[in-house]
Amino acid sequence: MQYIQQPQAIEAKSFDIIGEIIHETRPEYQFASPLHEAIIKRVIHTTADFDWLDILWFSDDALEQLCAALSRPTVIYTDTTMALSGINKTLLAKTGGECRCYISDPRVVAQAKAQGIT
């Protein structure tokens, strides 16, 4: 058996498989737009959960607003290092954007301990 070794090729094959599964199991399913399709398939790829086809929805102009925000200097905040690792920081930096995650910040850790929360 020959294994795919390049990360981009692995990802592309994974997205092809996701598309095939959607077509086979939900042939009537229609994505609202190519951008919706890209996002929903990315979520399925990340979670391995096809339920996102039915539970992920977007406000009418949410994606347009997101694209507009990402086209200018924008700060993205996340509360997980996993989400942080999935953001293309090089691409974001091209528009002057950056990411911030304070989950390991000593101030956040101290406050969580003091309040007995995570």
PDB file of N, CA and C in Angstrom:
ATOM      1  N   MET A   1       0.841  -1.173   0.000  1.00  0.00           N
ATOM      2  CA  MET A   1       0.000   0.000   0.000  1.00  0.00           C
ATOM      3  C   MET A   1       0.887   1.238   0.000  1.00  0.00           C
ATOM      4  N   GLN A   2       0.516   2.219  -0.805  1.00  0.00           N
ATOM      5  CA  GLN A   2       1.281   3.456  -0.882  1.00  0.00           C
ATOM      6  C   GLN A   2       0.595   4.534  -0.038  1.00  0.00           C
ATOM      7  N   TYR A   3       1.350   5.169   0.830  1.00  0.00           N
ATOM      8  CA  TYR A   3       0.807   6.183   1.724  1.00  0.00           C
ATOM      9  C   TYR A   3       1.119   7.578   1.216  1.00  0.00           C
ATOM     10  N   ILE A   4       0.160   8.461   1.387  1.00  0.00           N
ATOM     11  CA  ILE A   4       0.374   9.865   1.064  1.00  0.00           C
ATOM     12  C   ILE A   4       1.193  10.451   2.208  1.00  0.00           C
ATOM     13  N   GLN A   5       2.266  11.157   1.872  1.00  0.00           N
ATOM     14  CA  GLN A   5       3.147  11.656   2.921  1.00  0.00           C
ATOM     15  C   GLN A   5       3.162  13.179   3.041  1.00  0.00           C
ATOM     16  N   GLN A   6       2.743  13.887   2.004  1.00  0.00           N
ATOM     17  CA  GLN A   6       2.755  15.342   2.070  1.00  0.00           C
ATOM     18  C   GLN A   6       1.484  15.838   2.764  1.00  0.00           C
ATOM     19  N   PRO A   7       1.642  16.710   3.771  1.00  0.00           N
ATOM     20  CA  PRO A   7       0.470  17.182   4.522  1.00  0.00           C
ATOM     21  C   PRO A   7      -0.624  17.791   3.643  1.00  0.00           C
ATOM     22  N   GLN A   8      -0.253  18.583   2.647  1.00  0.00           N
ATOM     23  CA  GLN A   8      -1.263  19.205   1.791  1.00  0.00           C
ATOM     24  C   GLN A   8      -2.013  18.157   0.969  1.00  0.00           C
ATOM     25  N   ALA A   9      -1.314  17.130   0.532  1.00  0.00           N
ATOM     26  CA  ALA A   9      -1.957  16.065  -0.233  1.00  0.00           C
ATOM     27  C   ALA A   9      -2.881  15.233   0.659  1.00  0.00           C
ATOM     28  N   ILE A  10      -2.462  15.012   1.898  1.00  0.00           N
ATOM     29  CA  ILE A  10      -3.306  14.289   2.856  1.00  0.00           C
ATOM     30  C   ILE A  10      -4.588  15.070   3.093  1.00  0.00           C
ATOM     31  N   GLU A  11      -4.434  16.367   3.307  1.00  0.00           N
ATOM     32  CA  GLU A  11      -5.601  17.214   3.544  1.00  0.00           C
ATOM     33  C   GLU A  11      -6.526  17.228   2.333  1.00  0.00           C
ATOM     34  N   ALA A  12      -5.977  17.367   1.145  1.00  0.00           N
ATOM     35  CA  ALA A  12      -6.791  17.383  -0.071  1.00  0.00           C
ATOM     36  C   ALA A  12      -7.554  16.069  -0.227  1.00  0.00           C
ATOM     37  N   LYS A  13      -6.881  14.950   0.030  1.00  0.00           N
ATOM     38  CA  LYS A  13      -7.541  13.644  -0.063  1.00  0.00           C
ATOM     39  C   LYS A  13      -8.656  13.539   0.979  1.00  0.00           C
ATOM     40  N   SER A  14      -8.407  14.041   2.170  1.00  0.00           N
ATOM     41  CA  SER A  14      -9.417  14.017   3.224  1.00  0.00           C
ATOM     42  C   SER A  14     -10.655  14.798   2.797  1.00  0.00           C
ATOM     43  N   PHE A  15     -10.454  15.973   2.202  1.00  0.00           N
ATOM     44  CA  PHE A  15     -11.585  16.770   1.746  1.00  0.00           C
ATOM     45  C   PHE A  15     -12.327  16.076   0.607  1.00  0.00           C
ATOM     46  N   ASP A  16     -11.604  15.388  -0.266  1.00  0.00           N
ATOM     47  CA  ASP A  16     -12.255  14.612  -1.324  1.00  0.00           C
ATOM     48  C   ASP A  16     -13.139  13.523  -0.717  1.00  0.00           C
ATOM     49  N   ILE A  17     -12.621  12.834   0.278  1.00  0.00           N
ATOM     50  CA  ILE A  17     -13.375  11.768   0.940  1.00  0.00           C
ATOM     51  C   ILE A  17     -14.616  12.340   1.619  1.00  0.00           C
ATOM     52  N   ILE A  18     -14.460  13.485   2.285  1.00  0.00           N
ATOM     53  CA  ILE A  18     -15.611  14.135   2.930  1.00  0.00           C
ATOM     54  C   ILE A  18     -16.672  14.464   1.888  1.00  0.00           C
ATOM     55  N   GLY A  19     -16.265  15.014   0.754  1.00  0.00           N
ATOM     56  CA  GLY A  19     -17.206  15.324  -0.321  1.00  0.00           C
ATOM     57  C   GLY A  19     -17.920  14.086  -0.834  1.00  0.00           C
ATOM     58  N   GLU A  20     -17.177  13.000  -0.987  1.00  0.00           N
ATOM     59  CA  GLU A  20     -17.773  11.740  -1.452  1.00  0.00           C
ATOM     60  C   GLU A  20     -18.803  11.218  -0.451  1.00  0.00           C
ATOM     61  N   ILE A  21     -18.472  11.276   0.828  1.00  0.00           N
ATOM     62  CA  ILE A  21     -19.392  10.787   1.858  1.00  0.00           C
ATOM     63  C   ILE A  21     -20.658  11.628   1.877  1.00  0.00           C
ATOM     64  N   ILE A  22     -20.512  12.938   1.770  1.00  0.00           N
ATOM     65  CA  ILE A  22     -21.690  13.809   1.733  1.00  0.00           C
ATOM     66  C   ILE A  22     -22.544  13.465   0.521  1.00  0.00           C
ATOM     67  N   HIS A  23     -21.916  13.309  -0.617  1.00  0.00           N
ATOM     68  CA  HIS A  23     -22.661  12.994  -1.849  1.00  0.00           C
ATOM     69  C   HIS A  23     -23.389  11.642  -1.728  1.00  0.00           C
ATOM     70  N   GLU A  24     -22.717  10.666  -1.127  1.00  0.00           N
ATOM     71  CA  GLU A  24     -23.317   9.331  -0.998  1.00  0.00           C
ATOM     72  C   GLU A  24     -24.430   9.280   0.040  1.00  0.00           C
ATOM     73  N   THR A  25     -24.232   9.938   1.167  1.00  0.00           N
ATOM     74  CA  THR A  25     -25.194   9.834   2.267  1.00  0.00           C
ATOM     75  C   THR A  25     -26.250  10.928   2.257  1.00  0.00           C
ATOM     76  N   ARG A  26     -25.948  12.066   1.641  1.00  0.00           N
ATOM     77  CA  ARG A  26     -26.866  13.201   1.616  1.00  0.00           C
ATOM     78  C   ARG A  26     -26.889  13.822   0.224  1.00  0.00           C
ATOM     79  N   PRO A  27     -27.268  13.059  -0.798  1.00  0.00           N
ATOM     80  CA  PRO A  27     -27.189  13.575  -2.171  1.00  0.00           C
ATOM     81  C   PRO A  27     -28.019  14.841  -2.394  1.00  0.00           C
ATOM     82  N   GLU A  28     -29.009  15.074  -1.546  1.00  0.00           N
ATOM     83  CA  GLU A  28     -29.858  16.261  -1.699  1.00  0.00           C
ATOM     84  C   GLU A  28     -29.257  17.497  -1.037  1.00  0.00           C
ATOM     85  N   TYR A  29     -28.188  17.319  -0.252  1.00  0.00           N
ATOM     86  CA  TYR A  29     -27.623  18.432   0.510  1.00  0.00           C
ATOM     87  C   TYR A  29     -27.000  19.463  -0.427  1.00  0.00           C
ATOM     88  N   GLN A  30     -27.333  20.722  -0.191  1.00  0.00           N
ATOM     89  CA  GLN A  30     -26.786  21.817  -0.987  1.00  0.00           C
ATOM     90  C   GLN A  30     -26.122  22.837  -0.061  1.00  0.00           C
ATOM     91  N   PHE A  31     -24.895  23.175  -0.357  1.00  0.00           N
ATOM     92  CA  PHE A  31     -24.219  24.234   0.381  1.00  0.00           C
ATOM     93  C   PHE A  31     -24.733  25.573  -0.137  1.00  0.00           C
ATOM     94  N   ALA A  32     -24.818  26.547   0.751  1.00  0.00           N
ATOM     95  CA  ALA A  32     -25.331  27.864   0.375  1.00  0.00           C
ATOM     96  C   ALA A  32     -24.384  28.599  -0.558  1.00  0.00           C
ATOM     97  N   SER A  33     -23.091  28.326  -0.448  1.00  0.00           N
ATOM     98  CA  SER A  33     -22.097  28.987  -1.296  1.00  0.00           C
ATOM     99  C   SER A  33     -20.792  28.204  -1.205  1.00  0.00           C
ATOM    100  N   PRO A  34     -19.858  28.479  -2.092  1.00  0.00           N
ATOM    101  CA  PRO A  34     -18.554  27.819  -1.983  1.00  0.00           C
ATOM    102  C   PRO A  34     -17.846  28.112  -0.651  1.00  0.00           C
ATOM    103  N   LEU A  35     -18.036  29.313  -0.121  1.00  0.00           N
ATOM    104  CA  LEU A  35     -17.431  29.638   1.161  1.00  0.00           C
ATOM    105  C   LEU A  35     -18.065  28.829   2.290  1.00  0.00           C
ATOM    106  N   HIS A  36     -19.389  28.700   2.275  1.00  0.00           N
ATOM    107  CA  HIS A  36     -20.071  27.847   3.253  1.00  0.00           C
ATOM    108  C   HIS A  36     -19.539  26.415   3.155  1.00  0.00           C
ATOM    109  N   GLU A  37     -19.406  25.933   1.948  1.00  0.00           N
ATOM    110  CA  GLU A  37     -18.909  24.571   1.738  1.00  0.00           C
ATOM    111  C   GLU A  37     -17.507  24.405   2.323  1.00  0.00           C
ATOM    112  N   ALA A  38     -16.632  25.369   2.051  1.00  0.00           N
ATOM    113  CA  ALA A  38     -15.262  25.279   2.548  1.00  0.00           C
ATOM    114  C   ALA A  38     -15.231  25.260   4.077  1.00  0.00           C
ATOM    115  N   ILE A  39     -16.038  26.099   4.687  1.00  0.00           N
ATOM    116  CA  ILE A  39     -16.049  26.170   6.151  1.00  0.00           C
ATOM    117  C   ILE A  39     -16.646  24.913   6.760  1.00  0.00           C
ATOM    118  N   ILE A  40     -17.768  24.475   6.242  1.00  0.00           N
ATOM    119  CA  ILE A  40     -18.422  23.289   6.808  1.00  0.00           C
ATOM    120  C   ILE A  40     -17.554  22.046   6.610  1.00  0.00           C
ATOM    121  N   LYS A  41     -16.946  21.912   5.449  1.00  0.00           N
ATOM    122  CA  LYS A  41     -16.057  20.765   5.237  1.00  0.00           C
ATOM    123  C   LYS A  41     -14.841  20.847   6.154  1.00  0.00           C
ATOM    124  N   ARG A  42     -14.346  22.044   6.417  1.00  0.00           N
ATOM    125  CA  ARG A  42     -13.215  22.204   7.338  1.00  0.00           C
ATOM    126  C   ARG A  42     -13.618  21.759   8.749  1.00  0.00           C
ATOM    127  N   VAL A  43     -14.806  22.124   9.169  1.00  0.00           N
ATOM    128  CA  VAL A  43     -15.282  21.722  10.501  1.00  0.00           C
ATOM    129  C   VAL A  43     -15.440  20.208  10.565  1.00  0.00           C
ATOM    130  N   ILE A  44     -15.991  19.617   9.518  1.00  0.00           N
ATOM    131  CA  ILE A  44     -16.126  18.153   9.483  1.00  0.00           C
ATOM    132  C   ILE A  44     -14.748  17.509   9.501  1.00  0.00           C
ATOM    133  N   HIS A  45     -13.827  18.051   8.748  1.00  0.00           N
ATOM    134  CA  HIS A  45     -12.455  17.528   8.701  1.00  0.00           C
ATOM    135  C   HIS A  45     -11.818  17.576  10.099  1.00  0.00           C
ATOM    136  N   THR A  46     -12.043  18.675  10.807  1.00  0.00           N
ATOM    137  CA  THR A  46     -11.440  18.870  12.123  1.00  0.00           C
ATOM    138  C   THR A  46     -12.072  17.975  13.182  1.00  0.00           C
ATOM    139  N   THR A  47     -13.385  17.756  13.087  1.00  0.00           N
ATOM    140  CA  THR A  47     -14.107  17.027  14.132  1.00  0.00           C
ATOM    141  C   THR A  47     -14.468  15.594  13.767  1.00  0.00           C
ATOM    142  N   ALA A  48     -14.418  15.255  12.480  1.00  0.00           N
ATOM    143  CA  ALA A  48     -14.878  13.947  11.983  1.00  0.00           C
ATOM    144  C   ALA A  48     -16.352  13.727  12.317  1.00  0.00           C
ATOM    145  N   ASP A  49     -17.124  14.797  12.304  1.00  0.00           N
ATOM    146  CA  ASP A  49     -18.541  14.743  12.676  1.00  0.00           C
ATOM    147  C   ASP A  49     -19.385  15.371  11.570  1.00  0.00           C
ATOM    148  N   PHE A  50     -20.115  14.529  10.853  1.00  0.00           N
ATOM    149  CA  PHE A  50     -20.944  15.002   9.743  1.00  0.00           C
ATOM    150  C   PHE A  50     -22.242  15.661  10.209  1.00  0.00           C
ATOM    151  N   ASP A  51     -22.530  15.610  11.502  1.00  0.00           N
ATOM    152  CA  ASP A  51     -23.707  16.314  12.025  1.00  0.00           C
ATOM    153  C   ASP A  51     -23.615  17.816  11.785  1.00  0.00           C
ATOM    154  N   TRP A  52     -22.403  18.321  11.570  1.00  0.00           N
ATOM    155  CA  TRP A  52     -22.229  19.752  11.316  1.00  0.00           C
ATOM    156  C   TRP A  52     -22.971  20.199  10.060  1.00  0.00           C
ATOM    157  N   LEU A  53     -23.272  19.281   9.178  1.00  0.00           N
ATOM    158  CA  LEU A  53     -24.072  19.633   7.989  1.00  0.00           C
ATOM    159  C   LEU A  53     -25.423  20.208   8.405  1.00  0.00           C
ATOM    160  N   ASP A  54     -25.933  19.755   9.532  1.00  0.00           N
ATOM    161  CA  ASP A  54     -27.260  20.169   9.979  1.00  0.00           C
ATOM    162  C   ASP A  54     -27.252  21.185  11.116  1.00  0.00           C
ATOM    163  N   ILE A  55     -26.148  21.284  11.833  1.00  0.00           N
ATOM    164  CA  ILE A  55     -26.180  22.137  13.023  1.00  0.00           C
ATOM    165  C   ILE A  55     -25.360  23.414  12.903  1.00  0.00           C
ATOM    166  N   LEU A  56     -24.560  23.534  11.872  1.00  0.00           N
ATOM    167  CA  LEU A  56     -23.773  24.750  11.688  1.00  0.00           C
ATOM    168  C   LEU A  56     -24.525  25.678  10.749  1.00  0.00           C
ATOM    169  N   TRP A  57     -24.815  26.863  11.248  1.00  0.00           N
ATOM    170  CA  TRP A  57     -25.522  27.825  10.409  1.00  0.00           C
ATOM    171  C   TRP A  57     -24.870  29.190  10.573  1.00  0.00           C
ATOM    172  N   PHE A  58     -25.136  30.053   9.623  1.00  0.00           N
ATOM    173  CA  PHE A  58     -24.504  31.364   9.592  1.00  0.00           C
ATOM    174  C   PHE A  58     -25.575  32.443   9.470  1.00  0.00           C
ATOM    175  N   SER A  59     -25.407  33.518  10.199  1.00  0.00           N
ATOM    176  CA  SER A  59     -26.283  34.675  10.008  1.00  0.00           C
ATOM    177  C   SER A  59     -26.136  35.153   8.568  1.00  0.00           C
ATOM    178  N   ASP A  60     -27.134  35.872   8.087  1.00  0.00           N
ATOM    179  CA  ASP A  60     -27.175  36.256   6.679  1.00  0.00           C
ATOM    180  C   ASP A  60     -25.880  36.863   6.154  1.00  0.00           C
ATOM    181  N   ASP A  61     -25.293  37.795   6.869  1.00  0.00           N
ATOM    182  CA  ASP A  61     -24.108  38.464   6.345  1.00  0.00           C
ATOM    183  C   ASP A  61     -22.847  38.153   7.161  1.00  0.00           C
ATOM    184  N   ALA A  62     -22.875  37.105   7.946  1.00  0.00           N
ATOM    185  CA  ALA A  62     -21.750  36.787   8.833  1.00  0.00           C
ATOM    186  C   ALA A  62     -20.463  36.543   8.055  1.00  0.00           C
ATOM    187  N   LEU A  63     -20.536  35.770   6.986  1.00  0.00           N
ATOM    188  CA  LEU A  63     -19.311  35.445   6.258  1.00  0.00           C
ATOM    189  C   LEU A  63     -18.766  36.658   5.509  1.00  0.00           C
ATOM    190  N   GLU A  64     -19.663  37.503   5.013  1.00  0.00           N
ATOM    191  CA  GLU A  64     -19.213  38.717   4.358  1.00  0.00           C
ATOM    192  C   GLU A  64     -18.509  39.630   5.360  1.00  0.00           C
ATOM    193  N   GLN A  65     -19.075  39.735   6.563  1.00  0.00           N
ATOM    194  CA  GLN A  65     -18.451  40.546   7.605  1.00  0.00           C
ATOM    195  C   GLN A  65     -17.106  39.951   8.031  1.00  0.00           C
ATOM    196  N   LEU A  66     -17.048  38.637   8.131  1.00  0.00           N
ATOM    197  CA  LEU A  66     -15.803  37.975   8.484  1.00  0.00           C
ATOM    198  C   LEU A  66     -14.730  38.249   7.441  1.00  0.00           C
ATOM    199  N   CYS A  67     -15.078  38.092   6.180  1.00  0.00           N
ATOM    200  CA  CYS A  67     -14.116  38.339   5.101  1.00  0.00           C
ATOM    201  C   CYS A  67     -13.646  39.790   5.113  1.00  0.00           C
ATOM    202  N   ALA A  68     -14.567  40.708   5.344  1.00  0.00           N
ATOM    203  CA  ALA A  68     -14.200  42.129   5.418  1.00  0.00           C
ATOM    204  C   ALA A  68     -13.255  42.372   6.592  1.00  0.00           C
ATOM    205  N   ALA A  69     -13.551  41.761   7.740  1.00  0.00           N
ATOM    206  CA  ALA A  69     -12.696  41.942   8.912  1.00  0.00           C
ATOM    207  C   ALA A  69     -11.299  41.384   8.667  1.00  0.00           C
ATOM    208  N   LEU A  70     -11.224  40.246   7.995  1.00  0.00           N
ATOM    209  CA  LEU A  70      -9.928  39.618   7.758  1.00  0.00           C
ATOM    210  C   LEU A  70      -9.126  40.308   6.661  1.00  0.00           C
ATOM    211  N   SER A  71      -9.750  41.221   5.945  1.00  0.00           N
ATOM    212  CA  SER A  71      -9.038  41.935   4.881  1.00  0.00           C
ATOM    213  C   SER A  71      -8.319  43.172   5.411  1.00  0.00           C
ATOM    214  N   ARG A  72      -8.481  43.459   6.693  1.00  0.00           N
ATOM    215  CA  ARG A  72      -7.813  44.604   7.318  1.00  0.00           C
ATOM    216  C   ARG A  72      -7.153  44.116   8.614  1.00  0.00           C
ATOM    217  N   PRO A  73      -6.325  44.947   9.232  1.00  0.00           N
ATOM    218  CA  PRO A  73      -5.698  44.504  10.491  1.00  0.00           C
ATOM    219  C   PRO A  73      -6.757  44.109  11.525  1.00  0.00           C
ATOM    220  N   THR A  74      -6.704  42.861  11.932  1.00  0.00           N
ATOM    221  CA  THR A  74      -7.707  42.293  12.831  1.00  0.00           C
ATOM    222  C   THR A  74      -7.014  41.444  13.889  1.00  0.00           C
ATOM    223  N   VAL A  75      -7.519  41.501  15.096  1.00  0.00           N
ATOM    224  CA  VAL A  75      -7.013  40.625  16.152  1.00  0.00           C
ATOM    225  C   VAL A  75      -8.050  39.533  16.375  1.00  0.00           C
ATOM    226  N   ILE A  76      -7.604  38.291  16.274  1.00  0.00           N
ATOM    227  CA  ILE A  76      -8.474  37.142  16.544  1.00  0.00           C
ATOM    228  C   ILE A  76      -8.110  36.617  17.922  1.00  0.00           C
ATOM    229  N   TYR A  77      -9.119  36.501  18.774  1.00  0.00           N
ATOM    230  CA  TYR A  77      -8.930  35.955  20.116  1.00  0.00           C
ATOM    231  C   TYR A  77      -9.508  34.542  20.139  1.00  0.00           C
ATOM    232  N   THR A  78      -8.784  33.646  20.769  1.00  0.00           N
ATOM    233  CA  THR A  78      -9.289  32.298  20.964  1.00  0.00           C
ATOM    234  C   THR A  78      -8.968  31.852  22.380  1.00  0.00           C
ATOM    235  N   ASP A  79      -9.786  30.960  22.890  1.00  0.00           N
ATOM    236  CA  ASP A  79      -9.550  30.471  24.250  1.00  0.00           C
ATOM    237  C   ASP A  79      -8.986  29.062  24.265  1.00  0.00           C
ATOM    238  N   THR A  80      -8.535  28.584  23.111  1.00  0.00           N
ATOM    239  CA  THR A  80      -7.910  27.262  23.076  1.00  0.00           C
ATOM    240  C   THR A  80      -6.656  27.300  22.205  1.00  0.00           C
ATOM    241  N   THR A  81      -5.649  26.574  22.644  1.00  0.00           N
ATOM    242  CA  THR A  81      -4.434  26.494  21.832  1.00  0.00           C
ATOM    243  C   THR A  81      -4.681  25.666  20.576  1.00  0.00           C
ATOM    244  N   MET A  82      -5.661  24.759  20.627  1.00  0.00           N
ATOM    245  CA  MET A  82      -5.972  23.972  19.439  1.00  0.00           C
ATOM    246  C   MET A  82      -6.501  24.879  18.321  1.00  0.00           C
ATOM    247  N   ALA A  83      -7.425  25.770  18.657  1.00  0.00           N
ATOM    248  CA  ALA A  83      -7.930  26.704  17.654  1.00  0.00           C
ATOM    249  C   ALA A  83      -6.806  27.612  17.176  1.00  0.00           C
ATOM    250  N   LEU A  84      -5.957  28.056  18.089  1.00  0.00           N
ATOM    251  CA  LEU A  84      -4.833  28.909  17.732  1.00  0.00           C
ATOM    252  C   LEU A  84      -3.920  28.222  16.727  1.00  0.00           C
ATOM    253  N   SER A  85      -3.675  26.943  16.930  1.00  0.00           N
ATOM    254  CA  SER A  85      -2.776  26.220  16.028  1.00  0.00           C
ATOM    255  C   SER A  85      -3.386  26.039  14.637  1.00  0.00           C
ATOM    256  N   GLY A  86      -4.709  26.123  14.535  1.00  0.00           N
ATOM    257  CA  GLY A  86      -5.361  25.950  13.242  1.00  0.00           C
ATOM    258  C   GLY A  86      -5.495  27.225  12.430  1.00  0.00           C
ATOM    259  N   ILE A  87      -5.061  28.339  12.985  1.00  0.00           N
ATOM    260  CA  ILE A  87      -5.166  29.621  12.284  1.00  0.00           C
ATOM    261  C   ILE A  87      -3.862  29.880  11.529  1.00  0.00           C
ATOM    262  N   ASN A  88      -3.974  30.225  10.269  1.00  0.00           N
ATOM    263  CA  ASN A  88      -2.801  30.521   9.455  1.00  0.00           C
ATOM    264  C   ASN A  88      -2.323  31.930   9.800  1.00  0.00           C
ATOM    265  N   LYS A  89      -1.360  32.001  10.702  1.00  0.00           N
ATOM    266  CA  LYS A  89      -0.882  33.285  11.190  1.00  0.00           C
ATOM    267  C   LYS A  89      -0.091  34.055  10.137  1.00  0.00           C
ATOM    268  N   THR A  90       0.597  33.342   9.254  1.00  0.00           N
ATOM    269  CA  THR A  90       1.343  33.998   8.179  1.00  0.00           C
ATOM    270  C   THR A  90       0.385  34.721   7.244  1.00  0.00           C
ATOM    271  N   LEU A  91      -0.684  34.060   6.872  1.00  0.00           N
ATOM    272  CA  LEU A  91      -1.687  34.677   6.000  1.00  0.00           C
ATOM    273  C   LEU A  91      -2.376  35.842   6.705  1.00  0.00           C
ATOM    274  N   LEU A  92      -2.701  35.661   7.965  1.00  0.00           N
ATOM    275  CA  LEU A  92      -3.350  36.719   8.738  1.00  0.00           C
ATOM    276  C   LEU A  92      -2.440  37.942   8.848  1.00  0.00           C
ATOM    277  N   ALA A  93      -1.148  37.723   9.021  1.00  0.00           N
ATOM    278  CA  ALA A  93      -0.193  38.818   9.169  1.00  0.00           C
ATOM    279  C   ALA A  93      -0.064  39.649   7.897  1.00  0.00           C
ATOM    280  N   LYS A  94      -0.373  39.067   6.746  1.00  0.00           N
ATOM    281  CA  LYS A  94      -0.283  39.808   5.474  1.00  0.00           C
ATOM    282  C   LYS A  94      -1.214  41.017   5.447  1.00  0.00           C
ATOM    283  N   THR A  95      -2.281  40.968   6.240  1.00  0.00           N
ATOM    284  CA  THR A  95      -3.195  42.114   6.312  1.00  0.00           C
ATOM    285  C   THR A  95      -3.006  42.879   7.623  1.00  0.00           C
ATOM    286  N   GLY A  96      -1.943  42.553   8.349  1.00  0.00           N
ATOM    287  CA  GLY A  96      -1.676  43.221   9.616  1.00  0.00           C
ATOM    288  C   GLY A  96      -2.399  42.597  10.788  1.00  0.00           C
ATOM    289  N   GLY A  97      -2.979  41.429  10.584  1.00  0.00           N
ATOM    290  CA  GLY A  97      -3.724  40.764  11.645  1.00  0.00           C
ATOM    291  C   GLY A  97      -2.837  39.931  12.543  1.00  0.00           C
ATOM    292  N   GLU A  98      -3.392  39.544  13.663  1.00  0.00           N
ATOM    293  CA  GLU A  98      -2.674  38.698  14.609  1.00  0.00           C
ATOM    294  C   GLU A  98      -3.660  37.886  15.446  1.00  0.00           C
ATOM    295  N   CYS A  99      -3.121  36.882  16.120  1.00  0.00           N
ATOM    296  CA  CYS A  99      -3.927  36.015  16.987  1.00  0.00           C
ATOM    297  C   CYS A  99      -3.462  36.186  18.420  1.00  0.00           C
ATOM    298  N   ARG A 100      -4.423  36.041  19.316  1.00  0.00           N
ATOM    299  CA  ARG A 100      -4.085  36.080  20.745  1.00  0.00           C
ATOM    300  C   ARG A 100      -4.855  34.977  21.464  1.00  0.00           C
ATOM    301  N   CYS A 101      -4.120  34.288  22.307  1.00  0.00           N
ATOM    302  CA  CYS A 101      -4.707  33.255  23.154  1.00  0.00           C
ATOM    303  C   CYS A 101      -4.106  33.412  24.537  1.00  0.00           C
ATOM    304  N   TYR A 102      -4.951  33.656  25.509  1.00  0.00           N
ATOM    305  CA  TYR A 102      -4.477  33.916  26.864  1.00  0.00           C
ATOM    306  C   TYR A 102      -4.690  32.738  27.810  1.00  0.00           C
ATOM    307  N   ILE A 103      -4.980  31.577  27.272  1.00  0.00           N
ATOM    308  CA  ILE A 103      -5.300  30.432  28.108  1.00  0.00           C
ATOM    309  C   ILE A 103      -4.142  30.051  29.041  1.00  0.00           C
ATOM    310  N   SER A 104      -2.910  30.291  28.613  1.00  0.00           N
ATOM    311  CA  SER A 104      -1.744  29.964  29.448  1.00  0.00           C
ATOM    312  C   SER A 104      -1.130  31.198  30.095  1.00  0.00           C
ATOM    313  N   ASP A 105      -1.743  32.333  29.920  1.00  0.00           N
ATOM    314  CA  ASP A 105      -1.244  33.570  30.519  1.00  0.00           C
ATOM    315  C   ASP A 105      -1.281  33.421  32.040  1.00  0.00           C
ATOM    316  N   PRO A 106      -0.197  33.751  32.736  1.00  0.00           N
ATOM    317  CA  PRO A 106      -0.160  33.587  34.197  1.00  0.00           C
ATOM    318  C   PRO A 106      -1.310  34.299  34.912  1.00  0.00           C
ATOM    319  N   ARG A 107      -1.750  35.435  34.387  1.00  0.00           N
ATOM    320  CA  ARG A 107      -2.870  36.148  35.023  1.00  0.00           C
ATOM    321  C   ARG A 107      -4.161  35.347  34.907  1.00  0.00           C
ATOM    322  N   VAL A 108      -4.366  34.725  33.758  1.00  0.00           N
ATOM    323  CA  VAL A 108      -5.568  33.917  33.549  1.00  0.00           C
ATOM    324  C   VAL A 108      -5.510  32.666  34.421  1.00  0.00           C
ATOM    325  N   VAL A 109      -4.364  32.039  34.462  1.00  0.00           N
ATOM    326  CA  VAL A 109      -4.187  30.834  35.290  1.00  0.00           C
ATOM    327  C   VAL A 109      -4.448  31.164  36.757  1.00  0.00           C
ATOM    328  N   ALA A 110      -3.884  32.279  37.229  1.00  0.00           N
ATOM    329  CA  ALA A 110      -4.078  32.675  38.630  1.00  0.00           C
ATOM    330  C   ALA A 110      -5.557  32.969  38.920  1.00  0.00           C
ATOM    331  N   GLN A 111      -6.219  33.650  38.010  1.00  0.00           N
ATOM    332  CA  GLN A 111      -7.639  33.967  38.228  1.00  0.00           C
ATOM    333  C   GLN A 111      -8.473  32.676  38.220  1.00  0.00           C
ATOM    334  N   ALA A 112      -8.173  31.757  37.322  1.00  0.00           N
ATOM    335  CA  ALA A 112      -8.921  30.492  37.275  1.00  0.00           C
ATOM    336  C   ALA A 112      -8.728  29.709  38.578  1.00  0.00           C
ATOM    337  N   LYS A 113      -7.501  29.678  39.063  1.00  0.00           N
ATOM    338  CA  LYS A 113      -7.240  28.970  40.336  1.00  0.00           C
ATOM    339  C   LYS A 113      -7.988  29.640  41.479  1.00  0.00           C
ATOM    340  N   ALA A 114      -7.942  30.969  41.513  1.00  0.00           N
ATOM    341  CA  ALA A 114      -8.601  31.711  42.593  1.00  0.00           C
ATOM    342  C   ALA A 114     -10.111  31.495  42.593  1.00  0.00           C
ATOM    343  N   GLN A 115     -10.690  31.344  41.391  1.00  0.00           N
ATOM    344  CA  GLN A 115     -12.140  31.171  41.275  1.00  0.00           C
ATOM    345  C   GLN A 115     -12.560  29.710  41.217  1.00  0.00           C
ATOM    346  N   GLY A 116     -11.577  28.816  41.164  1.00  0.00           N
ATOM    347  CA  GLY A 116     -11.873  27.389  41.092  1.00  0.00           C
ATOM    348  C   GLY A 116     -12.552  26.998  39.781  1.00  0.00           C
ATOM    349  N   ILE A 117     -12.142  27.653  38.691  1.00  0.00           N
ATOM    350  CA  ILE A 117     -12.716  27.364  37.371  1.00  0.00           C
ATOM    351  C   ILE A 117     -11.616  27.007  36.382  1.00  0.00           C
ATOM    352  N   THR A 118     -12.004  26.523  35.242  1.00  0.00           N
ATOM    353  CA  THR A 118     -11.008  26.217  34.204  1.00  0.00           C
ATOM    354  C   THR A 118     -10.909  27.360  33.236  1.00  0.00           C
TER     355      THR A 118
END
